[in-house]
Amino acid sequence: MELPKLNFQEIFDFKLRKDKDKFFIYDPIRKSYLLLTPEEWVRQHWVHYYLTVKSYSVSALVTEKKIVLNGLTKRIDLLVTEKAQPKILIECKAPQIKLTEKTFEQTARYNSIIGAKEIVLTNGLQHIHAYFEEGEYVFYRP
């Protein structure tokens, strides 16, 4: 399986497994192997980034949390917490998905339920990072 090189300076030590014609990646948060989809490839980069580079504990990271938005059940990709409070909401897209204003608005809607101070919208190649201040999102400049 050919996986794209993502836009991270670090190289992470992923545990990969193949079963028949499918590939799986170990998720240290859920402590199990998950089907390796393009979106999961991006999410696991962020999980490893926060565990190894930022030194967060596994208990500070939440994946696939269900939320209800306008009567519909949705799942957030990754939430970084500090002292059990939402800090950074990360919405992961597959590398081939273009990040647009529409996809950013989706992330902001999810955050209206979560209440994190920062959000990251990423496809692994491009990362859009913003923080919420005085009722609006302010974008970080790289």
C-alpha atoms as a PDB file:
ATOM      1  CA  MET A   1       0.000   0.000   0.000  1.00  0.00           C
ATOM      2  CA  GLU A   2       1.405   3.342  -1.065  1.00  0.00           C
ATOM      3  CA  LEU A   3       0.787   5.961   1.616  1.00  0.00           C
ATOM      4  CA  PRO A   4       1.383   9.642   0.889  1.00  0.00           C
ATOM      5  CA  LYS A   5       4.095  11.504   2.793  1.00  0.00           C
ATOM      6  CA  LEU A   6       2.252  14.006   4.931  1.00  0.00           C
ATOM      7  CA  ASN A   7       3.293  17.509   5.943  1.00  0.00           C
ATOM      8  CA  PHE A   8       4.905  16.736   9.307  1.00  0.00           C
ATOM      9  CA  GLN A   9       8.555  17.376  10.156  1.00  0.00           C
ATOM     10  CA  GLU A  10       8.651  14.331  12.392  1.00  0.00           C
ATOM     11  CA  ILE A  11       8.755  10.692  11.357  1.00  0.00           C
ATOM     12  CA  PHE A  12       6.496   8.532  13.490  1.00  0.00           C
ATOM     13  CA  ASP A  13       6.839   4.864  14.331  1.00  0.00           C
ATOM     14  CA  PHE A  14       3.510   3.404  13.240  1.00  0.00           C
ATOM     15  CA  LYS A  15       2.510  -0.200  13.848  1.00  0.00           C
ATOM     16  CA  LEU A  16       1.023  -1.509  10.623  1.00  0.00           C
ATOM     17  CA  ARG A  17      -0.482  -4.915   9.922  1.00  0.00           C
ATOM     18  CA  LYS A  18      -1.788  -6.615   6.809  1.00  0.00           C
ATOM     19  CA  ASP A  19      -4.655  -9.095   6.812  1.00  0.00           C
ATOM     20  CA  LYS A  20      -5.454 -10.569   3.429  1.00  0.00           C
ATOM     21  CA  ASP A  21      -5.607  -7.505   1.139  1.00  0.00           C
ATOM     22  CA  LYS A  22      -6.335  -4.917   3.837  1.00  0.00           C
ATOM     23  CA  PHE A  23      -3.958  -2.823   5.916  1.00  0.00           C
ATOM     24  CA  PHE A  24      -4.494  -1.812   9.523  1.00  0.00           C
ATOM     25  CA  ILE A  25      -2.809   0.753  11.772  1.00  0.00           C
ATOM     26  CA  TYR A  26      -2.520   0.558  15.539  1.00  0.00           C
ATOM     27  CA  ASP A  27      -4.317   3.327  17.413  1.00  0.00           C
ATOM     28  CA  PRO A  28      -2.697   3.918  20.830  1.00  0.00           C
ATOM     29  CA  ILE A  29      -5.817   5.723  22.065  1.00  0.00           C
ATOM     30  CA  ARG A  30      -8.294   2.932  21.315  1.00  0.00           C
ATOM     31  CA  LYS A  31      -5.586   0.287  21.824  1.00  0.00           C
ATOM     32  CA  SER A  32      -6.572  -1.630  18.707  1.00  0.00           C
ATOM     33  CA  TYR A  33      -5.799  -1.947  15.020  1.00  0.00           C
ATOM     34  CA  LEU A  34      -8.050   0.100  12.744  1.00  0.00           C
ATOM     35  CA  LEU A  35      -8.607  -0.142   9.012  1.00  0.00           C
ATOM     36  CA  LEU A  36      -6.013   2.085   7.372  1.00  0.00           C
ATOM     37  CA  THR A  37      -8.072   4.562   5.381  1.00  0.00           C
ATOM     38  CA  PRO A  38      -6.603   7.813   4.022  1.00  0.00           C
ATOM     39  CA  GLU A  39      -8.395   9.760   6.786  1.00  0.00           C
ATOM     40  CA  GLU A  40      -7.101   7.380   9.469  1.00  0.00           C
ATOM     41  CA  TRP A  41      -3.562   7.867   8.124  1.00  0.00           C
ATOM     42  CA  VAL A  42      -3.959  11.613   8.719  1.00  0.00           C
ATOM     43  CA  ARG A  43      -5.563  11.147  12.157  1.00  0.00           C
ATOM     44  CA  GLN A  44      -2.786   8.808  13.350  1.00  0.00           C
ATOM     45  CA  HIS A  45      -0.153  11.372  12.374  1.00  0.00           C
ATOM     46  CA  TRP A  46      -1.883  13.886  14.637  1.00  0.00           C
ATOM     47  CA  VAL A  47      -2.299  11.331  17.446  1.00  0.00           C
ATOM     48  CA  HIS A  48       1.411  10.492  17.307  1.00  0.00           C
ATOM     49  CA  TYR A  49       2.316  14.180  17.056  1.00  0.00           C
ATOM     50  CA  TYR A  50       0.494  14.988  20.296  1.00  0.00           C
ATOM     51  CA  LEU A  51       1.799  11.872  22.070  1.00  0.00           C
ATOM     52  CA  THR A  52       5.454  12.074  21.030  1.00  0.00           C
ATOM     53  CA  VAL A  53       6.200  15.698  20.126  1.00  0.00           C
ATOM     54  CA  LYS A  54       3.818  17.533  22.470  1.00  0.00           C
ATOM     55  CA  SER A  55       4.062  14.857  25.223  1.00  0.00           C
ATOM     56  CA  TYR A  56       0.348  14.622  25.933  1.00  0.00           C
ATOM     57  CA  SER A  57      -0.887  11.489  27.679  1.00  0.00           C
ATOM     58  CA  VAL A  58      -3.200   9.066  25.895  1.00  0.00           C
ATOM     59  CA  SER A  59      -5.968  10.031  28.333  1.00  0.00           C
ATOM     60  CA  ALA A  60      -5.812  13.659  27.079  1.00  0.00           C
ATOM     61  CA  LEU A  61      -6.740  12.591  23.529  1.00  0.00           C
ATOM     62  CA  VAL A  62     -10.269  11.647  22.461  1.00  0.00           C
ATOM     63  CA  THR A  63     -11.158  10.125  19.086  1.00  0.00           C
ATOM     64  CA  GLU A  64     -14.468   9.462  17.356  1.00  0.00           C
ATOM     65  CA  LYS A  65     -16.503  11.187  20.074  1.00  0.00           C
ATOM     66  CA  LYS A  66     -20.185  11.373  19.201  1.00  0.00           C
ATOM     67  CA  ILE A  67     -21.881  14.754  19.189  1.00  0.00           C
ATOM     68  CA  VAL A  68     -25.408  15.767  18.206  1.00  0.00           C
ATOM     69  CA  LEU A  69     -25.599  18.683  15.804  1.00  0.00           C
ATOM     70  CA  ASN A  70     -28.975  19.910  14.538  1.00  0.00           C
ATOM     71  CA  GLY A  71     -30.540  16.589  15.549  1.00  0.00           C
ATOM     72  CA  LEU A  72     -27.935  14.539  13.649  1.00  0.00           C
ATOM     73  CA  THR A  73     -25.300  12.356  15.271  1.00  0.00           C
ATOM     74  CA  LYS A  74     -21.790  13.243  14.102  1.00  0.00           C
ATOM     75  CA  ARG A  75     -18.325  12.125  15.188  1.00  0.00           C
ATOM     76  CA  ILE A  76     -15.360  14.338  15.800  1.00  0.00           C
ATOM     77  CA  ASP A  77     -11.988  13.052  14.604  1.00  0.00           C
ATOM     78  CA  LEU A  78      -9.661  14.088  17.425  1.00  0.00           C
ATOM     79  CA  LEU A  79      -9.961  16.248  20.526  1.00  0.00           C
ATOM     80  CA  VAL A  80      -7.009  17.336  22.631  1.00  0.00           C
ATOM     81  CA  THR A  81      -7.941  18.107  26.215  1.00  0.00           C
ATOM     82  CA  GLU A  82      -6.164  19.717  29.147  1.00  0.00           C
ATOM     83  CA  LYS A  83      -7.436  18.979  32.653  1.00  0.00           C
ATOM     84  CA  ALA A  84     -10.477  17.305  31.020  1.00  0.00           C
ATOM     85  CA  GLN A  85     -11.395  20.556  29.203  1.00  0.00           C
ATOM     86  CA  PRO A  86     -11.532  20.758  25.378  1.00  0.00           C
ATOM     87  CA  LYS A  87      -8.436  22.518  24.048  1.00  0.00           C
ATOM     88  CA  ILE A  88      -7.960  21.673  20.337  1.00  0.00           C
ATOM     89  CA  LEU A  89     -10.507  20.110  17.989  1.00  0.00           C
ATOM     90  CA  ILE A  90      -8.883  18.476  14.958  1.00  0.00           C
ATOM     91  CA  GLU A  91     -10.955  17.576  11.912  1.00  0.00           C
ATOM     92  CA  CYS A  92      -9.137  15.210   9.551  1.00  0.00           C
ATOM     93  CA  LYS A  93      -9.808  14.790   5.864  1.00  0.00           C
ATOM     94  CA  ALA A  94      -8.171  12.410   3.411  1.00  0.00           C
ATOM     95  CA  PRO A  95      -5.104  13.882   1.641  1.00  0.00           C
ATOM     96  CA  GLN A  96      -6.948  14.162  -1.679  1.00  0.00           C
ATOM     97  CA  ILE A  97      -9.782  16.238  -0.132  1.00  0.00           C
ATOM     98  CA  LYS A  98      -9.350  19.943  -0.736  1.00  0.00           C
ATOM     99  CA  LEU A  99      -9.745  22.153   2.326  1.00  0.00           C
ATOM    100  CA  THR A 100     -12.328  24.817   1.628  1.00  0.00           C
ATOM    101  CA  GLU A 101     -14.365  27.402   3.479  1.00  0.00           C
ATOM    102  CA  LYS A 102     -17.178  24.815   3.551  1.00  0.00           C
ATOM    103  CA  THR A 103     -14.997  22.188   5.276  1.00  0.00           C
ATOM    104  CA  PHE A 104     -13.755  24.811   7.752  1.00  0.00           C
ATOM    105  CA  GLU A 105     -17.358  25.787   8.534  1.00  0.00           C
ATOM    106  CA  GLN A 106     -18.125  22.107   9.236  1.00  0.00           C
ATOM    107  CA  THR A 107     -15.291  22.053  11.788  1.00  0.00           C
ATOM    108  CA  ALA A 108     -16.521  25.324  13.344  1.00  0.00           C
ATOM    109  CA  ARG A 109     -20.058  23.888  13.638  1.00  0.00           C
ATOM    110  CA  TYR A 110     -18.679  20.811  15.428  1.00  0.00           C
ATOM    111  CA  ASN A 111     -16.763  23.128  17.729  1.00  0.00           C
ATOM    112  CA  SER A 112     -19.945  25.041  18.570  1.00  0.00           C
ATOM    113  CA  ILE A 113     -20.900  21.845  20.452  1.00  0.00           C
ATOM    114  CA  ILE A 114     -17.408  20.968  21.795  1.00  0.00           C
ATOM    115  CA  GLY A 115     -16.215  24.450  22.810  1.00  0.00           C
ATOM    116  CA  ALA A 116     -12.482  24.001  22.181  1.00  0.00           C
ATOM    117  CA  LYS A 117     -10.269  27.099  22.239  1.00  0.00           C
ATOM    118  CA  GLU A 118      -8.574  26.117  18.954  1.00  0.00           C
ATOM    119  CA  ILE A 119      -9.455  24.131  15.864  1.00  0.00           C
ATOM    120  CA  VAL A 120      -7.328  22.497  13.198  1.00  0.00           C
ATOM    121  CA  LEU A 121      -8.672  21.442   9.818  1.00  0.00           C
ATOM    122  CA  THR A 122      -6.215  19.153   8.058  1.00  0.00           C
ATOM    123  CA  ASN A 123      -5.826  16.791   5.141  1.00  0.00           C
ATOM    124  CA  GLY A 124      -2.301  15.936   6.258  1.00  0.00           C
ATOM    125  CA  LEU A 125      -0.772  18.039   3.499  1.00  0.00           C
ATOM    126  CA  GLN A 126      -2.331  21.367   4.479  1.00  0.00           C
ATOM    127  CA  HIS A 127      -3.238  22.413   8.030  1.00  0.00           C
ATOM    128  CA  ILE A 128      -5.559  25.314   8.828  1.00  0.00           C
ATOM    129  CA  HIS A 129      -5.202  26.349  12.470  1.00  0.00           C
ATOM    130  CA  ALA A 130      -7.448  28.912  14.141  1.00  0.00           C
ATOM    131  CA  TYR A 131      -8.310  29.998  17.647  1.00  0.00           C
ATOM    132  CA  PHE A 132     -11.605  31.355  18.916  1.00  0.00           C
ATOM    133  CA  GLU A 133     -11.415  34.867  20.325  1.00  0.00           C
ATOM    134  CA  GLU A 134     -14.150  37.385  21.034  1.00  0.00           C
ATOM    135  CA  GLY A 135     -16.782  35.449  19.114  1.00  0.00           C
ATOM    136  CA  GLU A 136     -14.782  34.775  15.934  1.00  0.00           C
ATOM    137  CA  TYR A 137     -12.025  32.593  14.563  1.00  0.00           C
ATOM    138  CA  VAL A 138      -8.579  34.080  14.103  1.00  0.00           C
ATOM    139  CA  PHE A 139      -6.243  32.164  11.809  1.00  0.00           C
ATOM    140  CA  TYR A 140      -2.655  31.385  12.744  1.00  0.00           C
ATOM    141  CA  ARG A 141      -0.114  32.493  10.170  1.00  0.00           C
ATOM    142  CA  PRO A 142       2.595  29.911   9.435  1.00  0.00           C
END
